[in-house]
């Protein structure tokens, strides 16, 4: 079974449609690739987002974000 590891790879501020500002954390999942000679290194497998407080954030098709639990739309600041 391959080894997996999640790591914080980014953090940014986003303004919600109600005017509040949130810190969004980008988390990248890495999988360890293995060859016949042994471990070949960690390769990024996918990204997920969450608020600093822990709530799940979904990326939308237009490049914005949405808080999964409330549906509140977020737009990256800057």
C-alpha atoms as a PDB file:
ATOM      1  CA  UNK A   1       0.000   0.000   0.000  1.00  0.00           C
ATOM      2  CA  UNK A   2       1.470   3.393  -0.959  1.00  0.00           C
ATOM      3  CA  UNK A   3       2.318   5.914   1.701  1.00  0.00           C
ATOM      4  CA  UNK A   4       0.323   9.148   1.696  1.00  0.00           C
ATOM      5  CA  UNK A   5       0.940  12.432   3.448  1.00  0.00           C
ATOM      6  CA  UNK A   6      -1.059  15.671   3.614  1.00  0.00           C
ATOM      7  CA  UNK A   7       0.839  18.940   3.901  1.00  0.00           C
ATOM      8  CA  UNK A   8      -0.204  22.576   4.105  1.00  0.00           C
ATOM      9  CA  UNK A   9       1.092  24.149   0.890  1.00  0.00           C
ATOM     10  CA  UNK A  10      -0.587  27.534   0.897  1.00  0.00           C
ATOM     11  CA  UNK A  11      -2.700  30.002   2.787  1.00  0.00           C
ATOM     12  CA  UNK A  12      -4.653  33.027   1.585  1.00  0.00           C
ATOM     13  CA  UNK A  13      -7.398  35.443   2.605  1.00  0.00           C
ATOM     14  CA  UNK A  14     -10.814  35.266   0.952  1.00  0.00           C
ATOM     15  CA  UNK A  15     -13.821  37.557   1.246  1.00  0.00           C
ATOM     16  CA  UNK A  16     -17.245  35.957   1.573  1.00  0.00           C
ATOM     17  CA  UNK A  17     -20.336  37.298  -0.147  1.00  0.00           C
ATOM     18  CA  UNK A  18     -21.530  38.585   3.255  1.00  0.00           C
ATOM     19  CA  UNK A  19     -18.356  40.715   3.580  1.00  0.00           C
ATOM     20  CA  UNK A  20     -16.545  38.610   6.166  1.00  0.00           C
ATOM     21  CA  UNK A  21     -12.889  37.723   5.582  1.00  0.00           C
ATOM     22  CA  UNK A  22     -11.652  34.157   6.082  1.00  0.00           C
ATOM     23  CA  UNK A  23      -8.254  32.446   6.010  1.00  0.00           C
ATOM     24  CA  UNK A  24      -8.268  29.550   3.546  1.00  0.00           C
ATOM     25  CA  UNK A  25      -5.685  26.784   3.907  1.00  0.00           C
ATOM     26  CA  UNK A  26      -4.546  24.801   0.851  1.00  0.00           C
ATOM     27  CA  UNK A  27      -3.615  21.191   1.642  1.00  0.00           C
ATOM     28  CA  UNK A  28      -1.811  19.010  -0.904  1.00  0.00           C
ATOM     29  CA  UNK A  29      -1.922  15.215  -0.668  1.00  0.00           C
ATOM     30  CA  UNK A  30       1.342  13.532  -1.611  1.00  0.00           C
ATOM     31  CA  UNK A  31       1.874   9.878  -2.460  1.00  0.00           C
ATOM     32  CA  UNK A  32       5.242   8.177  -2.214  1.00  0.00           C
ATOM     33  CA  UNK A  33       6.218   6.657  -5.527  1.00  0.00           C
ATOM     34  CA  UNK A  34       8.293   3.483  -5.276  1.00  0.00           C
ATOM     35  CA  UNK A  35      10.493   1.853  -7.919  1.00  0.00           C
ATOM     36  CA  UNK A  36      12.267  -1.491  -7.880  1.00  0.00           C
ATOM     37  CA  UNK A  37      15.287   0.346  -6.450  1.00  0.00           C
ATOM     38  CA  UNK A  38      13.300   1.833  -3.569  1.00  0.00           C
ATOM     39  CA  UNK A  39      11.448   5.075  -2.855  1.00  0.00           C
ATOM     40  CA  UNK A  40      11.542   7.532  -5.752  1.00  0.00           C
ATOM     41  CA  UNK A  41      10.095  10.487  -3.844  1.00  0.00           C
ATOM     42  CA  UNK A  42       6.852  12.218  -3.010  1.00  0.00           C
ATOM     43  CA  UNK A  43       4.516  13.184  -5.856  1.00  0.00           C
ATOM     44  CA  UNK A  44       1.529  15.540  -5.452  1.00  0.00           C
ATOM     45  CA  UNK A  45      -1.753  13.691  -5.851  1.00  0.00           C
ATOM     46  CA  UNK A  46      -4.413  16.356  -5.268  1.00  0.00           C
ATOM     47  CA  UNK A  47      -5.379  19.514  -3.413  1.00  0.00           C
ATOM     48  CA  UNK A  48      -8.099  20.324  -0.928  1.00  0.00           C
ATOM     49  CA  UNK A  49      -9.060  23.475   0.924  1.00  0.00           C
ATOM     50  CA  UNK A  50     -10.361  24.291   4.370  1.00  0.00           C
ATOM     51  CA  UNK A  51     -10.898  27.328   6.526  1.00  0.00           C
ATOM     52  CA  UNK A  52      -8.369  28.046   9.239  1.00  0.00           C
ATOM     53  CA  UNK A  53     -11.085  26.930  11.694  1.00  0.00           C
ATOM     54  CA  UNK A  54     -11.308  23.546   9.950  1.00  0.00           C
ATOM     55  CA  UNK A  55     -14.477  23.816   7.815  1.00  0.00           C
ATOM     56  CA  UNK A  56     -14.252  22.243   4.353  1.00  0.00           C
ATOM     57  CA  UNK A  57     -14.010  24.618   1.386  1.00  0.00           C
ATOM     58  CA  UNK A  58     -14.789  23.541  -2.186  1.00  0.00           C
ATOM     59  CA  UNK A  59     -13.249  25.070  -5.294  1.00  0.00           C
ATOM     60  CA  UNK A  60     -15.859  26.111  -7.873  1.00  0.00           C
ATOM     61  CA  UNK A  61     -15.616  25.913 -11.670  1.00  0.00           C
ATOM     62  CA  UNK A  62     -15.090  29.681 -11.953  1.00  0.00           C
ATOM     63  CA  UNK A  63     -11.981  29.582  -9.718  1.00  0.00           C
ATOM     64  CA  UNK A  64     -13.748  30.842  -6.605  1.00  0.00           C
ATOM     65  CA  UNK A  65     -14.524  28.873  -3.454  1.00  0.00           C
ATOM     66  CA  UNK A  66     -17.563  27.856  -1.408  1.00  0.00           C
ATOM     67  CA  UNK A  67     -17.825  26.858   2.248  1.00  0.00           C
ATOM     68  CA  UNK A  68     -19.255  23.334   2.013  1.00  0.00           C
ATOM     69  CA  UNK A  69     -21.425  23.457   5.151  1.00  0.00           C
ATOM     70  CA  UNK A  70     -23.092  26.821   4.474  1.00  0.00           C
ATOM     71  CA  UNK A  71     -22.780  27.323   0.703  1.00  0.00           C
ATOM     72  CA  UNK A  72     -21.291  30.773   1.322  1.00  0.00           C
ATOM     73  CA  UNK A  73     -19.257  31.888  -1.718  1.00  0.00           C
ATOM     74  CA  UNK A  74     -15.666  33.078  -1.199  1.00  0.00           C
ATOM     75  CA  UNK A  75     -13.403  35.075  -3.496  1.00  0.00           C
ATOM     76  CA  UNK A  76      -9.636  35.212  -3.057  1.00  0.00           C
ATOM     77  CA  UNK A  77      -8.338  38.636  -1.962  1.00  0.00           C
ATOM     78  CA  UNK A  78      -5.375  39.936  -3.942  1.00  0.00           C
END
